[in-house]
Amino acid sequence: MISDAILKPLACWTGTDRYNEKEISCLTVIFRSGGCSWNQCLMCGYRFERSRTQNPDEILAELRGQLRWVAENHPSDSYQMVKIFTSGSFFDPREVPPAFRDDVAALFAGKVVIAETRTEYVAEESLISFREALESGGDSALYVAMGLETTNDYIREKCIHKGLTFDDFRDAVATARRAGTGIKTYLMMKPPYLTEREALNDMKQSIRDVIPYSDIISMNLCTIQSKTEVEQYWKQGSYRPPYLWSAIDALLSTDAYVQCDPVGGGKRRGPHNCGECDREIVNAINEYVATGNKIHLKRCVDAGCSCVDEWRYVLENEEPWCMPLTK
């Protein structure tokens, strides 16, 4: 049941996504929910975007109101894929009442659905129920998306404070596979406390490590979100977002297709180079993600820029446990 009230989600937009080597229409929705139960990741601003109430009935009503807004503003025949995000985990029953998942399945039945959650909420029974409801609308697929961030347990705990291990992720993958769902893995480029070199090497290793467990891999480039610990470090000059050159290097280092949406690319709070080449590189990454063709990335490398020397100097000389060499 969709609520009579109409409440706009935190964000909702349409675009395209590459799926099974084809570009398809995609709807992305970020629902304001009861809030992340973990609520401790150092770079995450969504933990502050939660409902003002903790009453389950009121949370359900607010979520249904947001779903009604989606239904009224985005006709079902205008998209083939749906990406679902919340303030934390879509499959956390405290954050998102199970009754709302039934509503979501009814609205998006027959679509390719990607829903984000923490590993501890990957439960076989819940996934099977949601998947089967989606399949009632015809040809559909469900992918469970999890923010692993890195395969290095030490980095994930000390630099992100994620509260899970690589083994937790692998166990969740096994559970999701038994429930008949696909897996999307999110990795993070350059969490706080890492040098550019450490961050780049960690990303390359993490991509190699997650390939056997993932149907879709997405590399997220760290951005400065408001009210986060990372924003504090950035304001005092103790953190710099990753270079776009590092993103290209990581994407070219693997034969796997790795998605990447360079949010905030070219801006001080987002991944950036010198300002002269940023837009060209962001466009090249977007072209690669849309087509799967790395020629766009290689052209940027061949064209170069004066800031390549700066990036290489940072890779060689930035030391752990010190201030970043550039801003």
Protein backbone atom coordinates (compact mmCIF):
# COMPACT_ATOMS: atom_id res chain seq x y z
CA MET A 1 0.00 0.00 0.00
CA ILE A 2 1.37 3.42 -0.98
CA SER A 3 0.58 6.24 1.44
CA ASP A 4 -1.87 9.03 0.61
CA ALA A 5 0.78 11.53 1.73
CA ILE A 6 3.38 12.61 -0.82
CA LEU A 7 6.93 13.12 0.44
CA LYS A 8 9.90 13.60 -1.86
CA PRO A 9 12.81 11.18 -1.31
CA LEU A 10 16.23 12.49 -0.35
CA ALA A 11 17.12 12.24 -4.04
CA CYS A 12 15.68 10.65 -7.16
CA TRP A 13 16.89 10.86 -10.74
CA THR A 14 16.93 8.99 -14.04
CA GLY A 15 19.87 8.16 -16.26
CA THR A 16 21.44 5.15 -17.89
CA ASP A 17 23.50 2.22 -16.65
CA ARG A 18 25.47 -0.53 -18.36
CA TYR A 19 23.92 -3.94 -17.76
CA ASN A 20 24.77 -7.19 -19.56
CA GLU A 21 26.96 -5.15 -21.94
CA LYS A 22 24.05 -2.91 -22.91
CA GLU A 23 23.10 0.61 -21.87
CA ILE A 24 19.65 0.65 -20.23
CA SER A 25 17.48 3.29 -18.58
CA CYS A 26 17.92 3.54 -14.82
CA LEU A 27 16.06 5.13 -11.92
CA THR A 28 18.05 5.90 -8.75
CA VAL A 29 16.19 6.55 -5.49
CA ILE A 30 17.58 7.50 -2.08
CA PHE A 31 14.86 7.06 0.54
CA ARG A 32 14.92 8.88 3.85
CA SER A 33 14.60 6.01 6.31
CA GLY A 34 14.85 5.30 10.02
CA GLY A 35 18.61 5.75 9.79
CA CYS A 36 21.71 3.59 9.64
CA SER A 37 21.99 1.26 12.64
CA TRP A 38 25.81 1.34 12.44
CA ASN A 39 26.11 5.11 11.89
CA GLN A 40 29.89 5.31 12.34
CA CYS A 41 31.61 5.40 8.92
CA LEU A 42 33.98 8.36 8.82
CA MET A 43 33.20 9.56 5.29
CA CYS A 44 29.43 8.99 5.16
CA GLY A 45 27.03 11.94 5.24
CA TYR A 46 23.89 9.87 4.69
CA ARG A 47 23.91 8.85 8.35
CA PHE A 48 22.63 12.36 9.11
CA GLU A 49 19.81 12.08 6.55
CA ARG A 50 17.34 10.11 8.63
CA SER A 51 13.71 10.43 9.68
CA ARG A 52 13.05 12.65 12.68
CA THR A 53 10.96 9.89 14.25
CA GLN A 54 11.90 6.43 15.47
CA ASN A 55 8.29 5.26 15.61
CA PRO A 56 8.04 2.29 13.19
CA ASP A 57 4.52 3.21 12.06
CA GLU A 58 5.54 6.79 11.32
CA ILE A 59 8.69 5.67 9.51
CA LEU A 60 6.58 3.32 7.38
CA ALA A 61 4.15 6.13 6.55
CA GLU A 62 7.01 8.45 5.54
CA LEU A 63 8.60 5.80 3.35
CA ARG A 64 5.29 5.05 1.67
CA GLY A 65 4.83 8.74 1.03
CA GLN A 66 8.19 8.86 -0.71
CA LEU A 67 7.32 5.81 -2.78
CA ARG A 68 4.10 7.49 -3.86
CA TRP A 69 6.15 10.48 -5.06
CA VAL A 70 8.34 8.14 -7.11
CA ALA A 71 5.30 6.41 -8.63
CA GLU A 72 3.67 9.71 -9.59
CA ASN A 73 6.81 11.33 -11.03
CA HIS A 74 8.46 8.40 -12.81
CA PRO A 75 6.17 6.19 -14.92
CA SER A 76 7.07 2.51 -14.74
CA ASP A 77 7.71 2.27 -18.48
CA SER A 78 10.36 5.01 -18.33
CA TYR A 79 13.10 2.87 -16.74
CA GLN A 80 14.37 -0.73 -16.79
CA MET A 81 16.65 -0.72 -13.76
CA VAL A 82 16.18 0.65 -10.23
CA LYS A 83 18.95 1.44 -7.76
CA ILE A 84 17.66 1.68 -4.18
CA PHE A 85 19.57 3.45 -1.44
CA THR A 86 18.53 4.50 2.05
CA SER A 87 20.17 6.30 4.96
CA GLY A 88 21.83 2.95 5.72
CA SER A 89 20.60 -0.54 4.77
CA PHE A 90 17.51 -1.42 2.76
CA PHE A 91 17.28 -4.87 4.37
CA ASP A 92 17.64 -3.66 7.98
CA PRO A 93 14.11 -4.29 9.41
CA ARG A 94 14.57 -1.56 12.02
CA GLU A 95 15.52 1.04 9.44
CA VAL A 96 13.14 -0.08 6.69
CA PRO A 97 9.98 -1.90 7.87
CA PRO A 98 9.50 -5.18 5.95
CA ALA A 99 6.02 -4.01 4.89
CA PHE A 100 7.68 -1.24 2.88
CA ARG A 101 9.84 -3.76 1.04
CA ASP A 102 6.61 -5.41 -0.10
CA ASP A 103 5.41 -2.06 -1.46
CA VAL A 104 8.71 -1.50 -3.25
CA ALA A 105 8.59 -4.96 -4.81
CA ALA A 106 5.05 -4.32 -6.04
CA LEU A 107 6.02 -1.02 -7.70
CA PHE A 108 9.27 -2.26 -9.24
CA ALA A 109 8.18 -5.79 -10.16
CA GLY A 110 9.72 -6.93 -13.42
CA LYS A 111 12.69 -4.55 -13.16
CA VAL A 112 16.38 -5.09 -12.54
CA VAL A 113 16.71 -3.96 -8.92
CA ILE A 114 19.94 -3.18 -7.05
CA ALA A 115 19.42 -2.62 -3.30
CA GLU A 116 22.18 -1.55 -0.92
CA THR A 117 22.65 -3.04 2.54
CA ARG A 118 25.25 -3.84 5.16
CA THR A 119 26.41 -7.45 5.33
CA GLU A 120 24.71 -8.24 8.65
CA TYR A 121 21.25 -7.73 7.12
CA VAL A 122 21.74 -10.18 4.26
CA ALA A 123 19.23 -12.84 5.33
CA GLU A 124 18.26 -15.65 2.96
CA GLU A 125 14.54 -15.63 3.76
CA SER A 126 14.18 -11.86 3.29
CA LEU A 127 16.06 -11.89 -0.01
CA ILE A 128 14.04 -14.81 -1.40
CA SER A 129 10.77 -13.12 -0.45
CA PHE A 130 11.79 -9.82 -2.07
CA ARG A 131 13.20 -11.50 -5.19
CA GLU A 132 10.11 -13.61 -5.73
CA ALA A 133 7.85 -10.57 -5.37
CA LEU A 134 9.91 -8.74 -8.00
CA GLU A 135 9.73 -11.73 -10.33
CA SER A 136 5.93 -11.71 -10.13
CA GLY A 137 6.06 -8.81 -12.60
CA GLY A 138 7.93 -10.82 -15.21
CA ASP A 139 11.61 -10.93 -16.16
CA SER A 140 13.53 -9.31 -13.29
CA ALA A 141 16.79 -9.62 -11.37
CA LEU A 142 17.82 -8.68 -7.86
CA TYR A 143 21.33 -7.63 -6.92
CA VAL A 144 22.43 -7.12 -3.34
CA ALA A 145 24.86 -4.19 -3.15
CA MET A 146 27.33 -4.07 -0.27
CA GLY A 147 29.91 -1.45 0.65
CA LEU A 148 32.99 -3.55 1.31
CA GLU A 149 35.19 -0.47 0.52
CA THR A 150 38.45 -2.48 0.67
CA THR A 151 39.53 -6.08 1.09
CA ASN A 152 42.10 -4.99 3.67
CA ASP A 153 40.54 -5.47 7.11
CA TYR A 154 43.03 -3.16 8.79
CA ILE A 155 42.32 -0.26 6.41
CA ARG A 156 38.56 -0.81 6.62
CA GLU A 157 38.59 -0.72 10.41
CA LYS A 158 41.17 1.98 11.08
CA CYS A 159 40.49 4.32 8.14
CA ILE A 160 36.74 3.90 7.65
CA HIS A 161 35.42 2.32 10.85
CA LYS A 162 33.08 0.15 8.80
CA GLY A 163 32.46 -2.49 11.43
CA LEU A 164 32.75 -5.57 9.21
CA THR A 165 35.41 -7.91 7.87
CA PHE A 166 36.21 -9.42 4.50
CA ASP A 167 35.01 -12.74 5.93
CA ASP A 168 31.68 -11.11 6.86
CA PHE A 169 31.36 -9.96 3.26
CA ARG A 170 32.16 -13.42 1.87
CA ASP A 171 29.61 -15.02 4.19
CA ALA A 172 26.98 -12.50 3.04
CA VAL A 173 27.82 -13.24 -0.59
CA ALA A 174 27.28 -16.97 0.03
CA THR A 175 23.92 -16.25 1.67
CA ALA A 176 22.82 -14.01 -1.18
CA ARG A 177 23.86 -16.61 -3.75
CA ARG A 178 21.72 -19.23 -1.99
CA ALA A 179 18.80 -16.79 -2.20
CA GLY A 180 19.31 -16.52 -5.94
CA THR A 181 20.53 -12.92 -6.10
CA GLY A 182 23.47 -11.23 -7.78
CA ILE A 183 26.18 -9.25 -6.01
CA LYS A 184 27.33 -5.67 -6.48
CA THR A 185 30.44 -4.67 -4.56
CA TYR A 186 31.34 -1.08 -3.71
CA LEU A 187 34.99 -0.20 -3.19
CA MET A 188 36.29 3.16 -1.94
CA MET A 189 39.25 4.99 -3.39
CA LYS A 190 41.28 6.80 -0.74
CA PRO A 191 39.61 6.66 2.67
CA PRO A 192 41.24 8.98 5.24
CA TYR A 193 44.75 8.38 6.64
CA LEU A 194 46.11 6.81 3.44
CA THR A 195 48.65 8.37 1.11
CA GLU A 196 47.79 8.55 -2.59
CA ARG A 197 50.13 5.63 -3.24
CA GLU A 198 48.65 3.49 -0.48
CA ALA A 199 45.12 4.26 -1.66
CA LEU A 200 45.90 3.41 -5.29
CA ASN A 201 47.67 0.16 -4.41
CA ASP A 202 44.84 -0.83 -2.08
CA MET A 203 42.25 -0.22 -4.80
CA LYS A 204 44.13 -2.31 -7.34
CA GLN A 205 44.47 -5.17 -4.86
CA SER A 206 40.84 -4.91 -3.74
CA ILE A 207 39.57 -5.11 -7.32
CA ARG A 208 41.59 -8.29 -7.85
CA ASP A 209 40.30 -9.77 -4.60
CA VAL A 210 36.57 -9.13 -5.16
CA ILE A 211 36.30 -10.32 -8.76
CA PRO A 212 35.43 -13.93 -7.73
CA TYR A 213 32.62 -12.70 -5.46
CA SER A 214 31.07 -9.96 -7.60
CA ASP A 215 28.80 -9.67 -10.60
CA ILE A 216 29.20 -5.88 -10.59
CA ILE A 217 32.11 -3.89 -9.13
CA SER A 218 31.84 -0.17 -8.47
CA MET A 219 34.77 2.04 -7.50
CA ASN A 220 33.63 5.06 -5.50
CA LEU A 221 36.03 8.01 -5.33
CA CYS A 222 35.92 9.55 -1.86
CA THR A 223 34.28 12.98 -1.65
CA ILE A 224 34.02 15.47 1.20
CA GLN A 225 30.51 15.18 2.63
CA SER A 226 29.18 17.70 5.11
CA LYS A 227 29.43 17.09 8.88
CA THR A 228 31.73 14.09 8.50
CA GLU A 229 35.08 13.42 10.12
CA VAL A 230 36.66 13.50 6.66
CA GLU A 231 35.36 17.05 6.22
CA GLN A 232 37.11 18.02 9.47
CA TYR A 233 40.40 16.58 8.27
CA TRP A 234 40.00 18.26 4.87
CA LYS A 235 39.35 21.68 6.41
CA GLN A 236 42.52 21.46 8.48
CA GLY A 237 44.58 20.33 5.49
CA SER A 238 44.98 16.74 6.66
CA TYR A 239 43.10 15.10 3.79
CA ARG A 240 42.95 15.49 0.03
CA PRO A 241 40.45 13.64 -2.20
CA PRO A 242 42.03 11.26 -4.73
CA TYR A 243 43.56 12.43 -7.98
CA LEU A 244 41.55 11.61 -11.09
CA TRP A 245 44.81 10.21 -12.46
CA SER A 246 44.65 7.57 -9.71
CA ALA A 247 41.13 6.63 -10.78
CA ILE A 248 42.24 6.15 -14.40
CA ASP A 249 45.29 4.18 -13.28
CA ALA A 250 43.13 1.82 -11.18
CA LEU A 251 40.61 1.29 -14.01
CA LEU A 252 43.37 0.56 -16.53
CA SER A 253 45.10 -1.86 -14.16
CA THR A 254 42.43 -4.56 -14.53
CA ASP A 255 40.79 -6.47 -17.36
CA ALA A 256 37.53 -6.43 -15.38
CA TYR A 257 34.80 -3.90 -16.09
CA VAL A 258 34.61 -1.62 -13.05
CA GLN A 259 31.92 1.01 -12.74
CA CYS A 260 32.88 4.47 -11.49
CA ASP A 261 30.78 7.59 -11.06
CA PRO A 262 33.23 10.44 -10.36
CA VAL A 263 30.81 12.45 -8.19
CA GLY A 264 32.15 15.95 -7.60
CA GLY A 265 34.92 15.35 -10.12
CA GLY A 266 37.00 18.46 -10.69
CA LYS A 267 35.78 20.20 -7.54
CA ARG A 268 37.78 20.81 -4.37
CA ARG A 269 35.49 18.52 -2.35
CA GLY A 270 35.67 15.78 -4.94
CA PRO A 271 38.32 13.83 -6.84
CA HIS A 272 40.38 16.31 -8.83
CA ASN A 273 43.61 17.08 -10.60
CA CYS A 274 44.83 20.58 -11.45
CA GLY A 275 41.59 22.01 -12.79
CA GLU A 276 42.73 22.15 -16.41
CA CYS A 277 42.27 18.49 -17.33
CA ASP A 278 39.57 17.50 -14.84
CA ARG A 279 36.52 17.86 -17.06
CA GLU A 280 38.11 15.89 -19.88
CA ILE A 281 38.99 13.03 -17.53
CA VAL A 282 35.57 12.98 -15.86
CA ASN A 283 33.99 12.76 -19.32
CA ALA A 284 36.38 9.96 -20.28
CA ILE A 285 35.49 7.94 -17.17
CA ASN A 286 31.79 8.43 -17.89
CA GLU A 287 32.30 7.31 -21.50
CA TYR A 288 34.17 4.22 -20.34
CA VAL A 289 31.43 3.34 -17.83
CA ALA A 290 28.74 3.73 -20.52
CA THR A 291 30.54 1.77 -23.25
CA GLY A 292 33.02 -0.48 -21.46
CA ASN A 293 35.69 0.76 -23.88
CA LYS A 294 38.93 1.82 -22.20
CA ILE A 295 40.11 3.74 -25.24
CA HIS A 296 38.62 6.88 -23.69
CA LEU A 297 40.82 6.46 -20.61
CA LYS A 298 43.93 5.69 -22.65
CA ARG A 299 43.46 8.84 -24.71
CA CYS A 300 43.59 10.93 -21.52
CA VAL A 301 46.81 9.21 -20.49
CA ASP A 302 48.32 9.79 -23.94
CA ALA A 303 47.23 13.44 -23.96
CA GLY A 304 48.71 13.99 -20.50
CA CYS A 305 48.78 17.24 -18.58
CA SER A 306 51.38 19.18 -16.63
CA CYS A 307 49.83 17.89 -13.39
CA VAL A 308 50.80 14.30 -14.22
CA ASP A 309 54.28 15.11 -12.91
CA GLU A 310 52.73 16.45 -9.69
CA TRP A 311 50.66 13.28 -9.27
CA ARG A 312 53.72 11.08 -9.84
CA TYR A 313 55.74 13.13 -7.36
CA VAL A 314 52.98 12.68 -4.76
CA LEU A 315 52.91 8.93 -5.39
CA GLU A 316 56.65 8.69 -4.85
CA ASN A 317 57.12 11.12 -1.96
CA GLU A 318 53.97 11.32 0.15
CA GLU A 319 54.69 9.44 3.36
CA PRO A 320 52.29 7.68 5.75
CA TRP A 321 51.20 9.53 8.89
CA CYS A 322 51.99 12.97 7.49
CA MET A 323 50.06 15.88 5.97
CA PRO A 324 49.19 15.53 2.23
CA LEU A 325 51.67 17.22 -0.05
CA THR A 326 49.03 18.98 -2.18
CA LYS A 327 45.50 20.37 -1.86
